[in-house]
């Protein structure tokens, strides 16, 4: 393994806490932006952004999944 640099002096506690808090804020921002709920354009139910609406089956303005009664009968058969 390669040699790693060794610190010359002990880092102050405030410096360590600042570094950790900055990392924590970035991680929280990424997680918050990853799972954003938006209202469906068709039915108004809350859904994950960039996903098909589980309630009506629309993605944007087009029908992505057919959720009619015929589909349910075919699945059960």
PDB file of N, CA and C in Angstrom:
ATOM      1  N   UNK A   1       0.830  -1.191   0.000  1.00  0.00           N
ATOM      2  CA  UNK A   1       0.000   0.000   0.000  1.00  0.00           C
ATOM      3  C   UNK A   1       0.870   1.249   0.000  1.00  0.00           C
ATOM      4  N   UNK A   2       0.324   2.303  -0.578  1.00  0.00           N
ATOM      5  CA  UNK A   2       1.053   3.553  -0.601  1.00  0.00           C
ATOM      6  C   UNK A   2       1.007   4.247   0.747  1.00  0.00           C
ATOM      7  N   UNK A   3       1.988   5.104   0.964  1.00  0.00           N
ATOM      8  CA  UNK A   3       2.039   5.828   2.224  1.00  0.00           C
ATOM      9  C   UNK A   3       1.010   6.948   2.211  1.00  0.00           C
ATOM     10  N   UNK A   4       0.382   7.150   3.340  1.00  0.00           N
ATOM     11  CA  UNK A   4      -0.604   8.205   3.477  1.00  0.00           C
ATOM     12  C   UNK A   4      -0.003   9.332   4.303  1.00  0.00           C
ATOM     13  N   UNK A   5      -0.397  10.564   4.051  1.00  0.00           N
ATOM     14  CA  UNK A   5       0.148  11.672   4.837  1.00  0.00           C
ATOM     15  C   UNK A   5      -0.345  11.617   6.285  1.00  0.00           C
ATOM     16  N   UNK A   6       0.538  11.985   7.181  1.00  0.00           N
ATOM     17  CA  UNK A   6       0.210  11.989   8.602  1.00  0.00           C
ATOM     18  C   UNK A   6       0.055  13.433   9.036  1.00  0.00           C
ATOM     19  N   UNK A   7      -1.021  13.698   9.786  1.00  0.00           N
ATOM     20  CA  UNK A   7      -1.255  15.077  10.214  1.00  0.00           C
ATOM     21  C   UNK A   7      -0.198  15.510  11.216  1.00  0.00           C
ATOM     22  N   UNK A   8       0.186  16.774  11.121  1.00  0.00           N
ATOM     23  CA  UNK A   8       1.248  17.297  11.984  1.00  0.00           C
ATOM     24  C   UNK A   8       0.701  17.687  13.359  1.00  0.00           C
ATOM     25  N   UNK A   9      -0.541  18.214  13.352  1.00  0.00           N
ATOM     26  CA  UNK A   9      -1.149  18.636  14.619  1.00  0.00           C
ATOM     27  C   UNK A   9      -2.580  18.133  14.668  1.00  0.00           C
ATOM     28  N   UNK A  10      -3.102  18.034  15.868  1.00  0.00           N
ATOM     29  CA  UNK A  10      -4.474  17.577  16.052  1.00  0.00           C
ATOM     30  C   UNK A  10      -5.432  18.646  15.521  1.00  0.00           C
ATOM     31  N   UNK A  11      -6.419  18.207  14.737  1.00  0.00           N
ATOM     32  CA  UNK A  11      -7.399  19.146  14.184  1.00  0.00           C
ATOM     33  C   UNK A  11      -8.350  19.604  15.280  1.00  0.00           C
ATOM     34  N   UNK A  12      -8.675  20.901  15.316  1.00  0.00           N
ATOM     35  CA  UNK A  12      -9.613  21.393  16.326  1.00  0.00           C
ATOM     36  C   UNK A  12     -10.994  20.752  16.164  1.00  0.00           C
ATOM     37  N   UNK A  13     -11.693  20.637  17.242  1.00  0.00           N
ATOM     38  CA  UNK A  13     -13.029  20.024  17.237  1.00  0.00           C
ATOM     39  C   UNK A  13     -13.989  20.803  16.346  1.00  0.00           C
ATOM     40  N   UNK A  14     -13.865  22.122  16.344  1.00  0.00           N
ATOM     41  CA  UNK A  14     -14.759  22.947  15.521  1.00  0.00           C
ATOM     42  C   UNK A  14     -14.561  22.655  14.030  1.00  0.00           C
ATOM     43  N   UNK A  15     -13.320  22.435  13.628  1.00  0.00           N
ATOM     44  CA  UNK A  15     -13.033  22.125  12.228  1.00  0.00           C
ATOM     45  C   UNK A  15     -13.673  20.791  11.837  1.00  0.00           C
ATOM     46  N   UNK A  16     -13.562  19.805  12.725  1.00  0.00           N
ATOM     47  CA  UNK A  16     -14.141  18.491  12.465  1.00  0.00           C
ATOM     48  C   UNK A  16     -15.658  18.589  12.371  1.00  0.00           C
ATOM     49  N   UNK A  17     -16.263  19.342  13.275  1.00  0.00           N
ATOM     50  CA  UNK A  17     -17.728  19.479  13.277  1.00  0.00           C
ATOM     51  C   UNK A  17     -18.224  20.232  12.045  1.00  0.00           C
ATOM     52  N   UNK A  18     -17.478  21.232  11.594  1.00  0.00           N
ATOM     53  CA  UNK A  18     -17.856  21.961  10.383  1.00  0.00           C
ATOM     54  C   UNK A  18     -17.853  21.043   9.170  1.00  0.00           C
ATOM     55  N   UNK A  19     -16.809  20.211   9.070  1.00  0.00           N
ATOM     56  CA  UNK A  19     -16.696  19.290   7.952  1.00  0.00           C
ATOM     57  C   UNK A  19     -17.858  18.290   7.966  1.00  0.00           C
ATOM     58  N   UNK A  20     -18.185  17.753   9.142  1.00  0.00           N
ATOM     59  CA  UNK A  20     -19.277  16.793   9.259  1.00  0.00           C
ATOM     60  C   UNK A  20     -20.620  17.444   8.943  1.00  0.00           C
ATOM     61  N   UNK A  21     -20.853  18.662   9.429  1.00  0.00           N
ATOM     62  CA  UNK A  21     -22.143  19.310   9.202  1.00  0.00           C
ATOM     63  C   UNK A  21     -22.344  19.622   7.724  1.00  0.00           C
ATOM     64  N   UNK A  22     -21.255  19.992   7.033  1.00  0.00           N
ATOM     65  CA  UNK A  22     -21.362  20.264   5.595  1.00  0.00           C
ATOM     66  C   UNK A  22     -21.714  18.985   4.845  1.00  0.00           C
ATOM     67  N   UNK A  23     -21.091  17.875   5.218  1.00  0.00           N
ATOM     68  CA  UNK A  23     -21.397  16.585   4.595  1.00  0.00           C
ATOM     69  C   UNK A  23     -22.851  16.198   4.859  1.00  0.00           C
ATOM     70  N   UNK A  24     -23.294  16.401   6.087  1.00  0.00           N
ATOM     71  CA  UNK A  24     -24.659  16.052   6.475  1.00  0.00           C
ATOM     72  C   UNK A  24     -25.683  16.864   5.679  1.00  0.00           C
ATOM     73  N   UNK A  25     -25.422  18.146   5.501  1.00  0.00           N
ATOM     74  CA  UNK A  25     -26.342  19.004   4.745  1.00  0.00           C
ATOM     75  C   UNK A  25     -26.435  18.561   3.287  1.00  0.00           C
ATOM     76  N   UNK A  26     -25.283  18.223   2.676  1.00  0.00           N
ATOM     77  CA  UNK A  26     -25.293  17.746   1.291  1.00  0.00           C
ATOM     78  C   UNK A  26     -26.061  16.439   1.158  1.00  0.00           C
ATOM     79  N   UNK A  27     -25.857  15.528   2.107  1.00  0.00           N
ATOM     80  CA  UNK A  27     -26.543  14.235   2.064  1.00  0.00           C
ATOM     81  C   UNK A  27     -28.049  14.418   2.211  1.00  0.00           C
ATOM     82  N   UNK A  28     -28.477  15.289   3.114  1.00  0.00           N
ATOM     83  CA  UNK A  28     -29.907  15.540   3.305  1.00  0.00           C
ATOM     84  C   UNK A  28     -30.517  16.160   2.060  1.00  0.00           C
ATOM     85  N   UNK A  29     -29.804  17.054   1.406  1.00  0.00           N
ATOM     86  CA  UNK A  29     -30.312  17.707   0.203  1.00  0.00           C
ATOM     87  C   UNK A  29     -30.497  16.683  -0.917  1.00  0.00           C
ATOM     88  N   UNK A  30     -29.522  15.788  -1.073  1.00  0.00           N
ATOM     89  CA  UNK A  30     -29.617  14.754  -2.106  1.00  0.00           C
ATOM     90  C   UNK A  30     -30.807  13.846  -1.851  1.00  0.00           C
ATOM     91  N   UNK A  31     -30.995  13.421  -0.596  1.00  0.00           N
ATOM     92  CA  UNK A  31     -32.118  12.546  -0.270  1.00  0.00           C
ATOM     93  C   UNK A  31     -33.450  13.266  -0.452  1.00  0.00           C
ATOM     94  N   UNK A  32     -33.512  14.544  -0.099  1.00  0.00           N
ATOM     95  CA  UNK A  32     -34.755  15.294  -0.242  1.00  0.00           C
ATOM     96  C   UNK A  32     -35.134  15.434  -1.709  1.00  0.00           C
ATOM     97  N   UNK A  33     -34.133  15.707  -2.561  1.00  0.00           N
ATOM     98  CA  UNK A  33     -34.416  15.881  -3.977  1.00  0.00           C
ATOM     99  C   UNK A  33     -34.705  14.551  -4.670  1.00  0.00           C
ATOM    100  N   UNK A  34     -34.225  13.455  -4.098  1.00  0.00           N
ATOM    101  CA  UNK A  34     -34.397  12.158  -4.729  1.00  0.00           C
ATOM    102  C   UNK A  34     -35.852  11.682  -4.648  1.00  0.00           C
ATOM    103  N   UNK A  35     -36.507  11.939  -3.551  1.00  0.00           N
ATOM    104  CA  UNK A  35     -37.871  11.464  -3.339  1.00  0.00           C
ATOM    105  C   UNK A  35     -38.832  12.643  -3.204  1.00  0.00           C
ATOM    106  N   UNK A  36     -39.170  13.260  -4.317  1.00  0.00           N
ATOM    107  CA  UNK A  36     -40.044  14.414  -4.318  1.00  0.00           C
ATOM    108  C   UNK A  36     -41.446  13.971  -4.713  1.00  0.00           C
ATOM    109  N   UNK A  37     -42.428  14.352  -3.917  1.00  0.00           N
ATOM    110  CA  UNK A  37     -43.819  14.052  -4.226  1.00  0.00           C
ATOM    111  C   UNK A  37     -44.434  15.225  -4.974  1.00  0.00           C
ATOM    112  N   UNK A  38     -45.161  14.914  -6.037  1.00  0.00           N
ATOM    113  CA  UNK A  38     -45.846  15.930  -6.822  1.00  0.00           C
ATOM    114  C   UNK A  38     -47.279  15.464  -7.058  1.00  0.00           C
ATOM    115  N   UNK A  39     -48.145  16.393  -7.412  1.00  0.00           N
ATOM    116  CA  UNK A  39     -49.528  16.061  -7.714  1.00  0.00           C
ATOM    117  C   UNK A  39     -49.623  15.533  -9.143  1.00  0.00           C
ATOM    118  N   UNK A  40     -50.412  14.489  -9.333  1.00  0.00           N
ATOM    119  CA  UNK A  40     -50.620  13.918 -10.667  1.00  0.00           C
ATOM    120  C   UNK A  40     -51.388  14.927 -11.519  1.00  0.00           C
ATOM    121  N   UNK A  41     -50.996  15.073 -12.774  1.00  0.00           N
ATOM    122  CA  UNK A  41     -51.650  16.026 -13.668  1.00  0.00           C
ATOM    123  C   UNK A  41     -53.065  15.585 -14.021  1.00  0.00           C
ATOM    124  N   UNK A  42     -53.324  14.286 -13.981  1.00  0.00           N
ATOM    125  CA  UNK A  42     -54.628  13.769 -14.374  1.00  0.00           C
ATOM    126  C   UNK A  42     -55.617  13.722 -13.207  1.00  0.00           C
ATOM    127  N   UNK A  43     -55.235  13.051 -12.104  1.00  0.00           N
ATOM    128  CA  UNK A  43     -56.191  12.832 -11.009  1.00  0.00           C
ATOM    129  C   UNK A  43     -55.926  13.694  -9.778  1.00  0.00           C
ATOM    130  N   UNK A  44     -54.731  14.281  -9.671  1.00  0.00           N
ATOM    131  CA  UNK A  44     -54.425  15.157  -8.549  1.00  0.00           C
ATOM    132  C   UNK A  44     -53.877  14.435  -7.330  1.00  0.00           C
ATOM    133  N   UNK A  45     -53.737  13.122  -7.368  1.00  0.00           N
ATOM    134  CA  UNK A  45     -53.179  12.370  -6.246  1.00  0.00           C
ATOM    135  C   UNK A  45     -51.672  12.618  -6.164  1.00  0.00           C
ATOM    136  N   UNK A  46     -51.119  12.492  -4.956  1.00  0.00           N
ATOM    137  CA  UNK A  46     -49.686  12.659  -4.785  1.00  0.00           C
ATOM    138  C   UNK A  46     -48.959  11.406  -5.270  1.00  0.00           C
ATOM    139  N   UNK A  47     -47.850  11.622  -6.012  1.00  0.00           N
ATOM    140  CA  UNK A  47     -47.065  10.514  -6.546  1.00  0.00           C
ATOM    141  C   UNK A  47     -45.608  10.926  -6.577  1.00  0.00           C
ATOM    142  N   UNK A  48     -44.706   9.969  -6.763  1.00  0.00           N
ATOM    143  CA  UNK A  48     -43.293  10.281  -6.918  1.00  0.00           C
ATOM    144  C   UNK A  48     -43.074  10.951  -8.265  1.00  0.00           C
ATOM    145  N   UNK A  49     -42.208  11.946  -8.302  1.00  0.00           N
ATOM    146  CA  UNK A  49     -41.940  12.614  -9.571  1.00  0.00           C
ATOM    147  C   UNK A  49     -41.223  11.655 -10.512  1.00  0.00           C
ATOM    148  N   UNK A  50     -41.497  11.773 -11.804  1.00  0.00           N
ATOM    149  CA  UNK A  50     -40.924  10.935 -12.854  1.00  0.00           C
ATOM    150  C   UNK A  50     -41.328   9.470 -12.703  1.00  0.00           C
ATOM    151  N   UNK A  51     -42.509   9.207 -12.134  1.00  0.00           N
ATOM    152  CA  UNK A  51     -43.029   7.852 -12.010  1.00  0.00           C
ATOM    153  C   UNK A  51     -44.484   7.834 -12.489  1.00  0.00           C
ATOM    154  N   UNK A  52     -44.951   6.655 -12.847  1.00  0.00           N
ATOM    155  CA  UNK A  52     -46.349   6.486 -13.249  1.00  0.00           C
ATOM    156  C   UNK A  52     -47.230   6.612 -12.014  1.00  0.00           C
ATOM    157  N   UNK A  53     -48.363   7.263 -12.147  1.00  0.00           N
ATOM    158  CA  UNK A  53     -49.294   7.428 -11.036  1.00  0.00           C
ATOM    159  C   UNK A  53     -49.906   6.072 -10.695  1.00  0.00           C
ATOM    160  N   UNK A  54     -49.794   5.617  -9.448  1.00  0.00           N
ATOM    161  CA  UNK A  54     -50.371   4.319  -9.094  1.00  0.00           C
ATOM    162  C   UNK A  54     -51.897   4.347  -9.046  1.00  0.00           C
ATOM    163  N   UNK A  55     -52.471   5.526  -8.937  1.00  0.00           N
ATOM    164  CA  UNK A  55     -53.921   5.637  -8.833  1.00  0.00           C
ATOM    165  C   UNK A  55     -54.613   5.540 -10.198  1.00  0.00           C
ATOM    166  N   UNK A  56     -54.136   6.323 -11.185  1.00  0.00           N
ATOM    167  CA  UNK A  56     -54.824   6.373 -12.478  1.00  0.00           C
ATOM    168  C   UNK A  56     -54.016   5.767 -13.625  1.00  0.00           C
ATOM    169  N   UNK A  57     -52.708   5.546 -13.435  1.00  0.00           N
ATOM    170  CA  UNK A  57     -51.889   4.924 -14.469  1.00  0.00           C
ATOM    171  C   UNK A  57     -51.390   5.874 -15.537  1.00  0.00           C
ATOM    172  N   UNK A  58     -51.445   7.178 -15.298  1.00  0.00           N
ATOM    173  CA  UNK A  58     -50.961   8.156 -16.270  1.00  0.00           C
ATOM    174  C   UNK A  58     -49.526   8.548 -15.954  1.00  0.00           C
ATOM    175  N   UNK A  59     -48.775   8.872 -17.006  1.00  0.00           N
ATOM    176  CA  UNK A  59     -47.449   9.452 -16.867  1.00  0.00           C
ATOM    177  C   UNK A  59     -47.470  10.730 -17.684  1.00  0.00           C
ATOM    178  N   UNK A  60     -47.512  11.850 -16.997  1.00  0.00           N
ATOM    179  CA  UNK A  60     -47.688  13.127 -17.690  1.00  0.00           C
ATOM    180  C   UNK A  60     -49.121  13.215 -18.184  1.00  0.00           C
ATOM    181  N   UNK A  61     -49.300  13.404 -19.488  1.00  0.00           N
ATOM    182  CA  UNK A  61     -50.652  13.518 -20.037  1.00  0.00           C
ATOM    183  C   UNK A  61     -51.083  12.271 -20.785  1.00  0.00           C
ATOM    184  N   UNK A  62     -50.212  11.253 -20.844  1.00  0.00           N
ATOM    185  CA  UNK A  62     -50.595  10.068 -21.605  1.00  0.00           C
ATOM    186  C   UNK A  62     -50.867   8.881 -20.685  1.00  0.00           C
ATOM    187  N   UNK A  63     -51.669   7.969 -21.162  1.00  0.00           N
ATOM    188  CA  UNK A  63     -52.037   6.777 -20.405  1.00  0.00           C
ATOM    189  C   UNK A  63     -50.923   5.742 -20.534  1.00  0.00           C
ATOM    190  N   UNK A  64     -50.265   5.398 -19.450  1.00  0.00           N
ATOM    191  CA  UNK A  64     -49.146   4.461 -19.498  1.00  0.00           C
ATOM    192  C   UNK A  64     -49.579   3.045 -19.139  1.00  0.00           C
ATOM    193  N   UNK A  65     -50.493   2.915 -18.185  1.00  0.00           N
ATOM    194  CA  UNK A  65     -50.974   1.610 -17.745  1.00  0.00           C
ATOM    195  C   UNK A  65     -52.493   1.597 -17.826  1.00  0.00           C
ATOM    196  N   UNK A  66     -53.023   0.526 -18.387  1.00  0.00           N
ATOM    197  CA  UNK A  66     -54.470   0.390 -18.461  1.00  0.00           C
ATOM    198  C   UNK A  66     -54.963  -0.189 -17.136  1.00  0.00           C
ATOM    199  N   UNK A  67     -55.756   0.577 -16.383  1.00  0.00           N
ATOM    200  CA  UNK A  67     -56.224   0.138 -15.068  1.00  0.00           C
ATOM    201  C   UNK A  67     -57.716  -0.167 -15.067  1.00  0.00           C
ATOM    202  N   UNK A  68     -58.241  -0.555 -16.213  1.00  0.00           N
ATOM    203  CA  UNK A  68     -59.669  -0.852 -16.302  1.00  0.00           C
ATOM    204  C   UNK A  68     -60.024  -2.190 -15.681  1.00  0.00           C
ATOM    205  N   UNK A  69     -61.334  -2.525 -15.650  1.00  0.00           N
ATOM    206  CA  UNK A  69     -61.805  -3.776 -15.068  1.00  0.00           C
ATOM    207  C   UNK A  69     -61.406  -4.969 -15.919  1.00  0.00           C
ATOM    208  N   UNK A  70     -61.283  -4.780 -17.237  1.00  0.00           N
ATOM    209  CA  UNK A  70     -60.908  -5.885 -18.130  1.00  0.00           C
ATOM    210  C   UNK A  70     -59.511  -6.414 -17.774  1.00  0.00           C
ATOM    211  N   UNK A  71     -58.610  -5.513 -17.409  1.00  0.00           N
ATOM    212  CA  UNK A  71     -57.249  -5.911 -17.073  1.00  0.00           C
ATOM    213  C   UNK A  71     -57.247  -6.759 -15.815  1.00  0.00           C
ATOM    214  N   UNK A  72     -58.052  -6.357 -14.841  1.00  0.00           N
ATOM    215  CA  UNK A  72     -58.120  -7.088 -13.576  1.00  0.00           C
ATOM    216  C   UNK A  72     -58.677  -8.493 -13.820  1.00  0.00           C
ATOM    217  N   UNK A  73     -59.670  -8.626 -14.697  1.00  0.00           N
ATOM    218  CA  UNK A  73     -60.228  -9.930 -14.994  1.00  0.00           C
ATOM    219  C   UNK A  73     -59.211 -10.827 -15.706  1.00  0.00           C
ATOM    220  N   UNK A  74     -58.414 -10.247 -16.606  1.00  0.00           N
ATOM    221  CA  UNK A  74     -57.405 -11.024 -17.317  1.00  0.00           C
ATOM    222  C   UNK A  74     -56.313 -11.498 -16.381  1.00  0.00           C
ATOM    223  N   UNK A  75     -55.966 -10.658 -15.409  1.00  0.00           N
ATOM    224  CA  UNK A  75     -54.916 -11.023 -14.466  1.00  0.00           C
ATOM    225  C   UNK A  75     -55.389 -12.172 -13.571  1.00  0.00           C
ATOM    226  N   UNK A  76     -56.643 -12.122 -13.119  1.00  0.00           N
ATOM    227  CA  UNK A  76     -57.177 -13.158 -12.244  1.00  0.00           C
ATOM    228  C   UNK A  76     -57.357 -14.496 -12.979  1.00  0.00           C
ATOM    229  N   UNK A  77     -57.634 -14.428 -14.278  1.00  0.00           N
ATOM    230  CA  UNK A  77     -57.912 -15.653 -15.045  1.00  0.00           C
ATOM    231  C   UNK A  77     -56.698 -16.498 -15.310  1.00  0.00           C
TER     232      UNK A  77
END
